Amino acid sequence: MMQKLTFAIAVMILIYINLNLLVGDSSVYKLLQLRQQLEGIIEINTKLANRNKTLAMQVIKLQSDDEIIEKIARENLGMIHKDELLFITVKK
């Protein structure tokens, strides 16, 4: 009788452990979900790091290349040289 009770308790403990491994907070399913999230975050992080490198190179160019500075001043700010004339056309 005692052996049957011990065996039944052991089986219930094993069932409980297996259920926790399959569907609990520490389950295999949860682990797979977290790994997928981690892979997605790493991918996003890599893309953002590459974007940061690109932007850092653009900042260096903007700080050091007078031609780029002049181009931006002309196109975005409408600036001209002292000896230039600006013609503005009005559409009817």
Foldseek 3Di string as FASTA:
>chain_A
DVVVVVVVVVVVVVVVVVCCCPDNCVHPVVVVVVVVVVVVVVVVVVVVVVVVVVVVVVVVCCVPPPVVVVVCCCVPVVDDDPPDDDDDDDDD
